[in-house]
Amino acid sequence: MLTLAISLAAVPPLAAQTKKDKNSGLDRIEGTIESLDEEKRSLRVRQRNRANMVWTILYTGETAISYRNEDTTAEDLKVGRRVIALGRFAEDSVKLQALLIDIRSGR
């Protein structure tokens, strides 16, 4: 039992496992859209180069959405497309509040 407690204490918070964008200092998640909920304005992204990490990314009307750095709308967010999301994790949350979502594949 003590071994389990020690091993759980050594696990870093999930947000610490994301990369920081070197230009903006924001948390960065890069991966493929696995599911999309337009009503809740959220998407689940399977992160590349991680052991099947799936993140929930939230967006608002204020979130900048682009396709390869060209302005677009949330209508271009589709399952299977690769995206890069920049934003911040809320206190004690594993959901990223996106300030920018850039779509890297599709169309």
PDB file of N, CA and C in Angstrom:
ATOM      1  N   MET A   1       0.823  -1.190   0.000  1.00  0.00           N
ATOM      2  CA  MET A   1       0.000   0.000   0.000  1.00  0.00           C
ATOM      3  C   MET A   1       0.865   1.250   0.000  1.00  0.00           C
ATOM      4  N   LEU A   2       1.931   1.232   0.776  1.00  0.00           N
ATOM      5  CA  LEU A   2       2.834   2.372   0.840  1.00  0.00           C
ATOM      6  C   LEU A   2       3.493   2.605  -0.521  1.00  0.00           C
ATOM      7  N   THR A   3       3.811   1.547  -1.249  1.00  0.00           N
ATOM      8  CA  THR A   3       4.413   1.676  -2.571  1.00  0.00           C
ATOM      9  C   THR A   3       3.468   2.398  -3.527  1.00  0.00           C
ATOM     10  N   LEU A   4       2.189   2.062  -3.473  1.00  0.00           N
ATOM     11  CA  LEU A   4       1.208   2.713  -4.328  1.00  0.00           C
ATOM     12  C   LEU A   4       1.116   4.204  -4.013  1.00  0.00           C
ATOM     13  N   ALA A   5       1.102   4.546  -2.741  1.00  0.00           N
ATOM     14  CA  ALA A   5       1.022   5.951  -2.345  1.00  0.00           C
ATOM     15  C   ALA A   5       2.244   6.726  -2.808  1.00  0.00           C
ATOM     16  N   ILE A   6       3.411   6.138  -2.696  1.00  0.00           N
ATOM     17  CA  ILE A   6       4.643   6.796  -3.141  1.00  0.00           C
ATOM     18  C   ILE A   6       4.640   6.966  -4.646  1.00  0.00           C
ATOM     19  N   SER A   7       4.209   5.941  -5.380  1.00  0.00           N
ATOM     20  CA  SER A   7       4.211   6.046  -6.845  1.00  0.00           C
ATOM     21  C   SER A   7       3.188   7.075  -7.322  1.00  0.00           C
ATOM     22  N   LEU A   8       2.040   7.183  -6.652  1.00  0.00           N
ATOM     23  CA  LEU A   8       1.053   8.177  -7.044  1.00  0.00           C
ATOM     24  C   LEU A   8       1.533   9.587  -6.738  1.00  0.00           C
ATOM     25  N   ALA A   9       2.261   9.746  -5.667  1.00  0.00           N
ATOM     26  CA  ALA A   9       2.782  11.069  -5.311  1.00  0.00           C
ATOM     27  C   ALA A   9       3.828  11.539  -6.309  1.00  0.00           C
ATOM     28  N   ALA A  10       4.482  10.618  -6.966  1.00  0.00           N
ATOM     29  CA  ALA A  10       5.539  10.965  -7.918  1.00  0.00           C
ATOM     30  C   ALA A  10       4.995  11.351  -9.289  1.00  0.00           C
ATOM     31  N   VAL A  11       3.690  11.118  -9.538  1.00  0.00           N
ATOM     32  CA  VAL A  11       3.096  11.428 -10.842  1.00  0.00           C
ATOM     33  C   VAL A  11       2.872  12.935 -10.926  1.00  0.00           C
ATOM     34  N   PRO A  12       3.476  13.615 -11.928  1.00  0.00           N
ATOM     35  CA  PRO A  12       3.271  15.057 -12.049  1.00  0.00           C
ATOM     36  C   PRO A  12       1.871  15.362 -12.549  1.00  0.00           C
ATOM     37  N   PRO A  13       1.377  16.579 -12.299  1.00  0.00           N
ATOM     38  CA  PRO A  13       0.070  16.951 -12.838  1.00  0.00           C
ATOM     39  C   PRO A  13       0.077  16.828 -14.363  1.00  0.00           C
ATOM     40  N   LEU A  14      -1.074  16.492 -14.943  1.00  0.00           N
ATOM     41  CA  LEU A  14      -1.153  16.301 -16.392  1.00  0.00           C
ATOM     42  C   LEU A  14      -0.746  17.546 -17.155  1.00  0.00           C
ATOM     43  N   ALA A  15      -1.117  18.717 -16.662  1.00  0.00           N
ATOM     44  CA  ALA A  15      -0.770  19.947 -17.360  1.00  0.00           C
ATOM     45  C   ALA A  15       0.737  20.116 -17.478  1.00  0.00           C
ATOM     46  N   ALA A  16       1.480  19.545 -16.543  1.00  0.00           N
ATOM     47  CA  ALA A  16       2.937  19.647 -16.592  1.00  0.00           C
ATOM     48  C   ALA A  16       3.512  18.810 -17.728  1.00  0.00           C
ATOM     49  N   GLN A  17       2.712  17.906 -18.288  1.00  0.00           N
ATOM     50  CA  GLN A  17       3.194  17.051 -19.365  1.00  0.00           C
ATOM     51  C   GLN A  17       3.041  17.691 -20.738  1.00  0.00           C
ATOM     52  N   THR A  18       2.452  18.858 -20.807  1.00  0.00           N
ATOM     53  CA  THR A  18       2.329  19.545 -22.086  1.00  0.00           C
ATOM     54  C   THR A  18       3.569  20.388 -22.324  1.00  0.00           C
ATOM     55  N   LYS A  19       3.726  20.791 -23.563  1.00  0.00           N
ATOM     56  CA  LYS A  19       4.836  21.677 -23.914  1.00  0.00           C
ATOM     57  C   LYS A  19       4.404  23.121 -23.729  1.00  0.00           C
ATOM     58  N   LYS A  20       5.371  23.983 -23.518  1.00  0.00           N
ATOM     59  CA  LYS A  20       5.125  25.422 -23.530  1.00  0.00           C
ATOM     60  C   LYS A  20       5.564  25.937 -24.886  1.00  0.00           C
ATOM     61  N   ASP A  21       4.759  26.810 -25.478  1.00  0.00           N
ATOM     62  CA  ASP A  21       5.123  27.446 -26.734  1.00  0.00           C
ATOM     63  C   ASP A  21       6.269  28.409 -26.459  1.00  0.00           C
ATOM     64  N   LYS A  22       7.352  28.282 -27.197  1.00  0.00           N
ATOM     65  CA  LYS A  22       8.539  29.096 -26.903  1.00  0.00           C
ATOM     66  C   LYS A  22       8.338  30.582 -27.183  1.00  0.00           C
ATOM     67  N   ASN A  23       7.441  30.940 -28.085  1.00  0.00           N
ATOM     68  CA  ASN A  23       7.218  32.359 -28.393  1.00  0.00           C
ATOM     69  C   ASN A  23       6.254  33.038 -27.426  1.00  0.00           C
ATOM     70  N   SER A  24       5.165  32.349 -27.081  1.00  0.00           N
ATOM     71  CA  SER A  24       4.125  32.979 -26.262  1.00  0.00           C
ATOM     72  C   SER A  24       4.163  32.573 -24.789  1.00  0.00           C
ATOM     73  N   GLY A  25       4.795  31.437 -24.492  1.00  0.00           N
ATOM     74  CA  GLY A  25       4.799  30.935 -23.122  1.00  0.00           C
ATOM     75  C   GLY A  25       3.517  30.212 -22.740  1.00  0.00           C
ATOM     76  N   LEU A  26       2.578  30.068 -23.683  1.00  0.00           N
ATOM     77  CA  LEU A  26       1.317  29.385 -23.428  1.00  0.00           C
ATOM     78  C   LEU A  26       1.511  27.873 -23.488  1.00  0.00           C
ATOM     79  N   ASP A  27       0.588  27.136 -22.863  1.00  0.00           N
ATOM     80  CA  ASP A  27       0.598  25.678 -22.984  1.00  0.00           C
ATOM     81  C   ASP A  27       0.237  25.324 -24.422  1.00  0.00           C
ATOM     82  N   ARG A  28       0.886  24.278 -24.943  1.00  0.00           N
ATOM     83  CA  ARG A  28       0.709  23.882 -26.345  1.00  0.00           C
ATOM     84  C   ARG A  28       0.358  22.408 -26.412  1.00  0.00           C
ATOM     85  N   ILE A  29      -0.711  22.106 -27.132  1.00  0.00           N
ATOM     86  CA  ILE A  29      -1.098  20.720 -27.384  1.00  0.00           C
ATOM     87  C   ILE A  29      -1.195  20.553 -28.892  1.00  0.00           C
ATOM     88  N   GLU A  30      -0.533  19.522 -29.392  1.00  0.00           N
ATOM     89  CA  GLU A  30      -0.546  19.233 -30.823  1.00  0.00           C
ATOM     90  C   GLU A  30      -1.004  17.798 -31.002  1.00  0.00           C
ATOM     91  N   GLY A  31      -1.981  17.597 -31.886  1.00  0.00           N
ATOM     92  CA  GLY A  31      -2.475  16.253 -32.112  1.00  0.00           C
ATOM     93  C   GLY A  31      -3.604  16.221 -33.117  1.00  0.00           C
ATOM     94  N   THR A  32      -4.368  15.126 -33.080  1.00  0.00           N
ATOM     95  CA  THR A  32      -5.442  14.892 -34.035  1.00  0.00           C
ATOM     96  C   THR A  32      -6.787  14.948 -33.314  1.00  0.00           C
ATOM     97  N   ILE A  33      -7.739  15.651 -33.915  1.00  0.00           N
ATOM     98  CA  ILE A  33      -9.073  15.737 -33.321  1.00  0.00           C
ATOM     99  C   ILE A  33      -9.710  14.356 -33.360  1.00  0.00           C
ATOM    100  N   GLU A  34     -10.079  13.874 -32.182  1.00  0.00           N
ATOM    101  CA  GLU A  34     -10.692  12.560 -32.043  1.00  0.00           C
ATOM    102  C   GLU A  34     -12.215  12.663 -31.958  1.00  0.00           C
ATOM    103  N   SER A  35     -12.692  13.729 -31.323  1.00  0.00           N
ATOM    104  CA  SER A  35     -14.130  13.976 -31.262  1.00  0.00           C
ATOM    105  C   SER A  35     -14.366  15.466 -31.077  1.00  0.00           C
ATOM    106  N   LEU A  36     -15.564  15.885 -31.414  1.00  0.00           N
ATOM    107  CA  LEU A  36     -15.900  17.307 -31.428  1.00  0.00           C
ATOM    108  C   LEU A  36     -17.312  17.474 -30.888  1.00  0.00           C
ATOM    109  N   ASP A  37     -17.504  18.425 -29.965  1.00  0.00           N
ATOM    110  CA  ASP A  37     -18.828  18.737 -29.436  1.00  0.00           C
ATOM    111  C   ASP A  37     -19.058  20.225 -29.660  1.00  0.00           C
ATOM    112  N   GLU A  38     -19.759  20.548 -30.747  1.00  0.00           N
ATOM    113  CA  GLU A  38     -19.968  21.949 -31.109  1.00  0.00           C
ATOM    114  C   GLU A  38     -20.827  22.679 -30.078  1.00  0.00           C
ATOM    115  N   GLU A  39     -21.781  21.972 -29.468  1.00  0.00           N
ATOM    116  CA  GLU A  39     -22.655  22.595 -28.482  1.00  0.00           C
ATOM    117  C   GLU A  39     -21.861  23.039 -27.246  1.00  0.00           C
ATOM    118  N   LYS A  40     -20.947  22.187 -26.793  1.00  0.00           N
ATOM    119  CA  LYS A  40     -20.123  22.520 -25.619  1.00  0.00           C
ATOM    120  C   LYS A  40     -18.863  23.285 -25.994  1.00  0.00           C
ATOM    121  N   ARG A  41     -18.658  23.465 -27.299  1.00  0.00           N
ATOM    122  CA  ARG A  41     -17.444  24.124 -27.799  1.00  0.00           C
ATOM    123  C   ARG A  41     -16.193  23.458 -27.229  1.00  0.00           C
ATOM    124  N   SER A  42     -16.108  22.162 -27.466  1.00  0.00           N
ATOM    125  CA  SER A  42     -14.952  21.409 -26.993  1.00  0.00           C
ATOM    126  C   SER A  42     -14.552  20.371 -28.031  1.00  0.00           C
ATOM    127  N   LEU A  43     -13.303  19.999 -27.978  1.00  0.00           N
ATOM    128  CA  LEU A  43     -12.812  18.930 -28.817  1.00  0.00           C
ATOM    129  C   LEU A  43     -11.834  18.090 -28.026  1.00  0.00           C
ATOM    130  N   ARG A  44     -11.775  16.833 -28.358  1.00  0.00           N
ATOM    131  CA  ARG A  44     -10.806  15.927 -27.730  1.00  0.00           C
ATOM    132  C   ARG A  44      -9.722  15.666 -28.749  1.00  0.00           C
ATOM    133  N   VAL A  45      -8.491  15.853 -28.314  1.00  0.00           N
ATOM    134  CA  VAL A  45      -7.337  15.736 -29.208  1.00  0.00           C
ATOM    135  C   VAL A  45      -6.400  14.666 -28.669  1.00  0.00           C
ATOM    136  N   ARG A  46      -6.072  13.709 -29.534  1.00  0.00           N
ATOM    137  CA  ARG A  46      -5.074  12.687 -29.187  1.00  0.00           C
ATOM    138  C   ARG A  46      -3.717  13.264 -29.537  1.00  0.00           C
ATOM    139  N   GLN A  47      -2.892  13.400 -28.518  1.00  0.00           N
ATOM    140  CA  GLN A  47      -1.598  14.050 -28.688  1.00  0.00           C
ATOM    141  C   GLN A  47      -0.613  13.123 -29.390  1.00  0.00           C
ATOM    142  N   ARG A  48       0.085  13.688 -30.332  1.00  0.00           N
ATOM    143  CA  ARG A  48       1.125  12.947 -31.039  1.00  0.00           C
ATOM    144  C   ARG A  48       2.334  12.802 -30.137  1.00  0.00           C
ATOM    145  N   ASN A  49       3.090  11.745 -30.352  1.00  0.00           N
ATOM    146  CA  ASN A  49       4.337  11.492 -29.636  1.00  0.00           C
ATOM    147  C   ASN A  49       4.150  11.345 -28.136  1.00  0.00           C
ATOM    148  N   ARG A  50       2.982  11.019 -27.693  1.00  0.00           N
ATOM    149  CA  ARG A  50       2.713  10.730 -26.285  1.00  0.00           C
ATOM    150  C   ARG A  50       2.017   9.380 -26.232  1.00  0.00           C
ATOM    151  N   ALA A  51       2.058   8.755 -25.091  1.00  0.00           N
ATOM    152  CA  ALA A  51       1.444   7.435 -24.930  1.00  0.00           C
ATOM    153  C   ALA A  51      -0.075   7.566 -24.895  1.00  0.00           C
ATOM    154  N   ASN A  52      -0.659   7.833 -26.057  1.00  0.00           N
ATOM    155  CA  ASN A  52      -2.111   7.921 -26.219  1.00  0.00           C
ATOM    156  C   ASN A  52      -2.778   8.928 -25.287  1.00  0.00           C
ATOM    157  N   MET A  53      -2.116  10.053 -25.025  1.00  0.00           N
ATOM    158  CA  MET A  53      -2.720  11.103 -24.198  1.00  0.00           C
ATOM    159  C   MET A  53      -3.832  11.766 -25.002  1.00  0.00           C
ATOM    160  N   VAL A  54      -4.992  11.893 -24.377  1.00  0.00           N
ATOM    161  CA  VAL A  54      -6.122  12.572 -25.000  1.00  0.00           C
ATOM    162  C   VAL A  54      -6.470  13.767 -24.121  1.00  0.00           C
ATOM    163  N   TRP A  55      -6.542  14.928 -24.734  1.00  0.00           N
ATOM    164  CA  TRP A  55      -6.804  16.172 -24.027  1.00  0.00           C
ATOM    165  C   TRP A  55      -8.138  16.746 -24.466  1.00  0.00           C
ATOM    166  N   THR A  56      -8.815  17.428 -23.549  1.00  0.00           N
ATOM    167  CA  THR A  56     -10.014  18.179 -23.886  1.00  0.00           C
ATOM    168  C   THR A  56      -9.612  19.637 -24.047  1.00  0.00           C
ATOM    169  N   ILE A  57      -9.983  20.203 -25.170  1.00  0.00           N
ATOM    170  CA  ILE A  57      -9.673  21.599 -25.467  1.00  0.00           C
ATOM    171  C   ILE A  57     -10.989  22.347 -25.591  1.00  0.00           C
ATOM    172  N   LEU A  58     -11.123  23.422 -24.840  1.00  0.00           N
ATOM    173  CA  LEU A  58     -12.315  24.250 -24.869  1.00  0.00           C
ATOM    174  C   LEU A  58     -12.031  25.504 -25.684  1.00  0.00           C
ATOM    175  N   TYR A  59     -13.030  25.968 -26.428  1.00  0.00           N
ATOM    176  CA  TYR A  59     -12.864  27.207 -27.178  1.00  0.00           C
ATOM    177  C   TYR A  59     -14.107  28.064 -27.012  1.00  0.00           C
ATOM    178  N   THR A  60     -13.952  29.351 -27.258  1.00  0.00           N
ATOM    179  CA  THR A  60     -15.068  30.297 -27.143  1.00  0.00           C
ATOM    180  C   THR A  60     -15.151  31.096 -28.437  1.00  0.00           C
ATOM    181  N   GLY A  61     -16.060  32.030 -28.478  1.00  0.00           N
ATOM    182  CA  GLY A  61     -16.155  32.926 -29.625  1.00  0.00           C
ATOM    183  C   GLY A  61     -14.940  33.827 -29.743  1.00  0.00           C
ATOM    184  N   GLU A  62     -14.193  33.959 -28.658  1.00  0.00           N
ATOM    185  CA  GLU A  62     -12.981  34.784 -28.641  1.00  0.00           C
ATOM    186  C   GLU A  62     -11.737  34.015 -29.088  1.00  0.00           C
ATOM    187  N   THR A  63     -11.826  32.692 -29.166  1.00  0.00           N
ATOM    188  CA  THR A  63     -10.678  31.877 -29.574  1.00  0.00           C
ATOM    189  C   THR A  63     -10.374  32.123 -31.047  1.00  0.00           C
ATOM    190  N   ALA A  64      -9.125  32.456 -31.344  1.00  0.00           N
ATOM    191  CA  ALA A  64      -8.703  32.631 -32.742  1.00  0.00           C
ATOM    192  C   ALA A  64      -8.561  31.243 -33.364  1.00  0.00           C
ATOM    193  N   ILE A  65      -9.203  31.041 -34.506  1.00  0.00           N
ATOM    194  CA  ILE A  65      -9.114  29.760 -35.216  1.00  0.00           C
ATOM    195  C   ILE A  65      -8.548  30.042 -36.594  1.00  0.00           C
ATOM    196  N   SER A  66      -7.526  29.268 -36.945  1.00  0.00           N
ATOM    197  CA  SER A  66      -6.875  29.471 -38.240  1.00  0.00           C
ATOM    198  C   SER A  66      -6.615  28.130 -38.912  1.00  0.00           C
ATOM    199  N   TYR A  67      -6.429  28.192 -40.226  1.00  0.00           N
ATOM    200  CA  TYR A  67      -6.016  27.031 -41.017  1.00  0.00           C
ATOM    201  C   TYR A  67      -4.661  27.380 -41.613  1.00  0.00           C
ATOM    202  N   ARG A  68      -3.636  26.728 -41.108  1.00  0.00           N
ATOM    203  CA  ARG A  68      -2.252  27.014 -41.525  1.00  0.00           C
ATOM    204  C   ARG A  68      -1.971  28.517 -41.495  1.00  0.00           C
ATOM    205  N   ASN A  69      -2.300  29.112 -40.358  1.00  0.00           N
ATOM    206  CA  ASN A  69      -2.041  30.524 -40.054  1.00  0.00           C
ATOM    207  C   ASN A  69      -2.905  31.516 -40.828  1.00  0.00           C
ATOM    208  N   GLU A  70      -3.931  31.050 -41.538  1.00  0.00           N
ATOM    209  CA  GLU A  70      -4.883  31.927 -42.227  1.00  0.00           C
ATOM    210  C   GLU A  70      -6.193  31.871 -41.456  1.00  0.00           C
ATOM    211  N   ASP A  71      -6.823  33.009 -41.178  1.00  0.00           N
ATOM    212  CA  ASP A  71      -8.067  33.047 -40.418  1.00  0.00           C
ATOM    213  C   ASP A  71      -9.128  32.134 -41.022  1.00  0.00           C
ATOM    214  N   THR A  72      -9.860  31.444 -40.145  1.00  0.00           N
ATOM    215  CA  THR A  72     -10.981  30.609 -40.556  1.00  0.00           C
ATOM    216  C   THR A  72     -11.982  30.574 -39.406  1.00  0.00           C
ATOM    217  N   THR A  73     -12.950  29.677 -39.469  1.00  0.00           N
ATOM    218  CA  THR A  73     -13.980  29.590 -38.425  1.00  0.00           C
ATOM    219  C   THR A  73     -13.978  28.195 -37.801  1.00  0.00           C
ATOM    220  N   ALA A  74     -14.772  28.048 -36.741  1.00  0.00           N
ATOM    221  CA  ALA A  74     -14.884  26.758 -36.050  1.00  0.00           C
ATOM    222  C   ALA A  74     -15.500  25.689 -36.952  1.00  0.00           C
ATOM    223  N   GLU A  75     -16.149  26.079 -38.019  1.00  0.00           N
ATOM    224  CA  GLU A  75     -16.724  25.105 -38.956  1.00  0.00           C
ATOM    225  C   GLU A  75     -15.653  24.230 -39.600  1.00  0.00           C
ATOM    226  N   ASP A  76     -14.407  24.706 -39.637  1.00  0.00           N
ATOM    227  CA  ASP A  76     -13.318  23.918 -40.223  1.00  0.00           C
ATOM    228  C   ASP A  76     -12.715  22.915 -39.241  1.00  0.00           C
ATOM    229  N   LEU A  77     -13.156  22.919 -37.977  1.00  0.00           N
ATOM    230  CA  LEU A  77     -12.705  21.908 -37.021  1.00  0.00           C
ATOM    231  C   LEU A  77     -13.456  20.619 -37.334  1.00  0.00           C
ATOM    232  N   LYS A  78     -12.733  19.574 -37.709  1.00  0.00           N
ATOM    233  CA  LYS A  78     -13.334  18.297 -38.097  1.00  0.00           C
ATOM    234  C   LYS A  78     -12.532  17.145 -37.488  1.00  0.00           C
ATOM    235  N   VAL A  79     -13.231  16.064 -37.170  1.00  0.00           N
ATOM    236  CA  VAL A  79     -12.583  14.865 -36.665  1.00  0.00           C
ATOM    237  C   VAL A  79     -11.553  14.388 -37.688  1.00  0.00           C
ATOM    238  N   GLY A  80     -10.382  14.041 -37.209  1.00  0.00           N
ATOM    239  CA  GLY A  80      -9.308  13.542 -38.070  1.00  0.00           C
ATOM    240  C   GLY A  80      -8.299  14.597 -38.482  1.00  0.00           C
ATOM    241  N   ARG A  81      -8.609  15.863 -38.261  1.00  0.00           N
ATOM    242  CA  ARG A  81      -7.667  16.927 -38.641  1.00  0.00           C
ATOM    243  C   ARG A  81      -6.643  17.156 -37.534  1.00  0.00           C
ATOM    244  N   ARG A  82      -5.421  17.420 -37.962  1.00  0.00           N
ATOM    245  CA  ARG A  82      -4.365  17.749 -37.006  1.00  0.00           C
ATOM    246  C   ARG A  82      -4.492  19.206 -36.619  1.00  0.00           C
ATOM    247  N   VAL A  83      -4.281  19.485 -35.327  1.00  0.00           N
ATOM    248  CA  VAL A  83      -4.380  20.847 -34.828  1.00  0.00           C
ATOM    249  C   VAL A  83      -3.251  21.139 -33.849  1.00  0.00           C
ATOM    250  N   ILE A  84      -2.984  22.413 -33.684  1.00  0.00           N
ATOM    251  CA  ILE A  84      -2.121  22.911 -32.622  1.00  0.00           C
ATOM    252  C   ILE A  84      -2.976  23.887 -31.830  1.00  0.00           C
ATOM    253  N   ALA A  85      -3.077  23.662 -30.523  1.00  0.00           N
ATOM    254  CA  ALA A  85      -3.859  24.546 -29.658  1.00  0.00           C
ATOM    255  C   ALA A  85      -2.937  25.210 -28.646  1.00  0.00           C
ATOM    256  N   LEU A  86      -3.081  26.513 -28.505  1.00  0.00           N
ATOM    257  CA  LEU A  86      -2.331  27.275 -27.509  1.00  0.00           C
ATOM    258  C   LEU A  86      -3.325  27.880 -26.540  1.00  0.00           C
ATOM    259  N   GLY A  87      -3.020  27.795 -25.260  1.00  0.00           N
ATOM    260  CA  GLY A  87      -3.920  28.359 -24.258  1.00  0.00           C
ATOM    261  C   GLY A  87      -3.385  28.139 -22.866  1.00  0.00           C
ATOM    262  N   ARG A  88      -4.307  28.127 -21.916  1.00  0.00           N
ATOM    263  CA  ARG A  88      -3.935  27.962 -20.512  1.00  0.00           C
ATOM    264  C   ARG A  88      -4.875  26.962 -19.851  1.00  0.00           C
ATOM    265  N   PHE A  89      -4.320  26.208 -18.917  1.00  0.00           N
ATOM    266  CA  PHE A  89      -5.126  25.321 -18.095  1.00  0.00           C
ATOM    267  C   PHE A  89      -5.683  26.130 -16.934  1.00  0.00           C
ATOM    268  N   ALA A  90      -6.974  25.971 -16.669  1.00  0.00           N
ATOM    269  CA  ALA A  90      -7.567  26.615 -15.497  1.00  0.00           C
ATOM    270  C   ALA A  90      -6.999  25.946 -14.251  1.00  0.00           C
ATOM    271  N   GLU A  91      -7.035  26.650 -13.146  1.00  0.00           N
ATOM    272  CA  GLU A  91      -6.549  26.108 -11.874  1.00  0.00           C
ATOM    273  C   GLU A  91      -7.207  24.757 -11.603  1.00  0.00           C
ATOM    274  N   ASP A  92      -6.409  23.739 -11.299  1.00  0.00           N
ATOM    275  CA  ASP A  92      -6.888  22.391 -10.976  1.00  0.00           C
ATOM    276  C   ASP A  92      -7.736  21.766 -12.083  1.00  0.00           C
ATOM    277  N   SER A  93      -7.416  22.049 -13.331  1.00  0.00           N
ATOM    278  CA  SER A  93      -8.168  21.494 -14.449  1.00  0.00           C
ATOM    279  C   SER A  93      -7.231  20.811 -15.428  1.00  0.00           C
ATOM    280  N   VAL A  94      -7.745  19.796 -16.103  1.00  0.00           N
ATOM    281  CA  VAL A  94      -6.972  19.140 -17.154  1.00  0.00           C
ATOM    282  C   VAL A  94      -7.504  19.526 -18.527  1.00  0.00           C
ATOM    283  N   LYS A  95      -8.370  20.546 -18.560  1.00  0.00           N
ATOM    284  CA  LYS A  95      -8.913  21.039 -19.828  1.00  0.00           C
ATOM    285  C   LYS A  95      -8.210  22.338 -20.199  1.00  0.00           C
ATOM    286  N   LEU A  96      -7.760  22.393 -21.445  1.00  0.00           N
ATOM    287  CA  LEU A  96      -7.075  23.579 -21.939  1.00  0.00           C
ATOM    288  C   LEU A  96      -8.100  24.572 -22.475  1.00  0.00           C
ATOM    289  N   GLN A  97      -8.053  25.797 -21.978  1.00  0.00           N
ATOM    290  CA  GLN A  97      -8.883  26.875 -22.522  1.00  0.00           C
ATOM    291  C   GLN A  97      -8.070  27.509 -23.644  1.00  0.00           C
ATOM    292  N   ALA A  98      -8.448  27.247 -24.886  1.00  0.00           N
ATOM    293  CA  ALA A  98      -7.653  27.662 -26.036  1.00  0.00           C
ATOM    294  C   ALA A  98      -7.826  29.144 -26.340  1.00  0.00           C
ATOM    295  N   LEU A  99      -6.718  29.789 -26.605  1.00  0.00           N
ATOM    296  CA  LEU A  99      -6.716  31.163 -27.117  1.00  0.00           C
ATOM    297  C   LEU A  99      -6.546  31.134 -28.631  1.00  0.00           C
ATOM    298  N   LEU A 100      -5.891  30.061 -29.127  1.00  0.00           N
ATOM    299  CA  LEU A 100      -5.649  29.891 -30.561  1.00  0.00           C
ATOM    300  C   LEU A 100      -5.708  28.412 -30.894  1.00  0.00           C
ATOM    301  N   ILE A 101      -6.407  28.087 -31.968  1.00  0.00           N
ATOM    302  CA  ILE A 101      -6.394  26.728 -32.522  1.00  0.00           C
ATOM    303  C   ILE A 101      -6.017  26.875 -33.989  1.00  0.00           C
ATOM    304  N   ASP A 102      -4.911  26.250 -34.371  1.00  0.00           N
ATOM    305  CA  ASP A 102      -4.483  26.289 -35.773  1.00  0.00           C
ATOM    306  C   ASP A 102      -4.649  24.898 -36.361  1.00  0.00           C
ATOM    307  N   ILE A 103      -5.442  24.795 -37.417  1.00  0.00           N
ATOM    308  CA  ILE A 103      -5.688  23.530 -38.103  1.00  0.00           C
ATOM    309  C   ILE A 103      -4.532  23.316 -39.074  1.00  0.00           C
ATOM    310  N   ARG A 104      -3.920  22.136 -39.015  1.00  0.00           N
ATOM    311  CA  ARG A 104      -2.722  21.876 -39.818  1.00  0.00           C
ATOM    312  C   ARG A 104      -2.964  20.921 -40.981  1.00  0.00           C
ATOM    313  N   SER A 105      -4.107  20.250 -41.034  1.00  0.00           N
ATOM    314  CA  SER A 105      -4.379  19.312 -42.136  1.00  0.00           C
ATOM    315  C   SER A 105      -5.845  19.385 -42.524  1.00  0.00           C
ATOM    316  N   GLY A 106      -6.147  18.857 -43.691  1.00  0.00           N
ATOM    317  CA  GLY A 106      -7.542  18.808 -44.142  1.00  0.00           C
ATOM    318  C   GLY A 106      -7.820  19.756 -45.273  1.00  0.00           C
ATOM    319  N   ARG A 107      -9.085  20.045 -45.458  1.00  0.00           N
ATOM    320  CA  ARG A 107      -9.645  20.911 -46.493  1.00  0.00           C
ATOM    321  C   ARG A 107      -9.641  20.227 -47.797  1.00  0.00           C
TER     322      ARG A 107
END
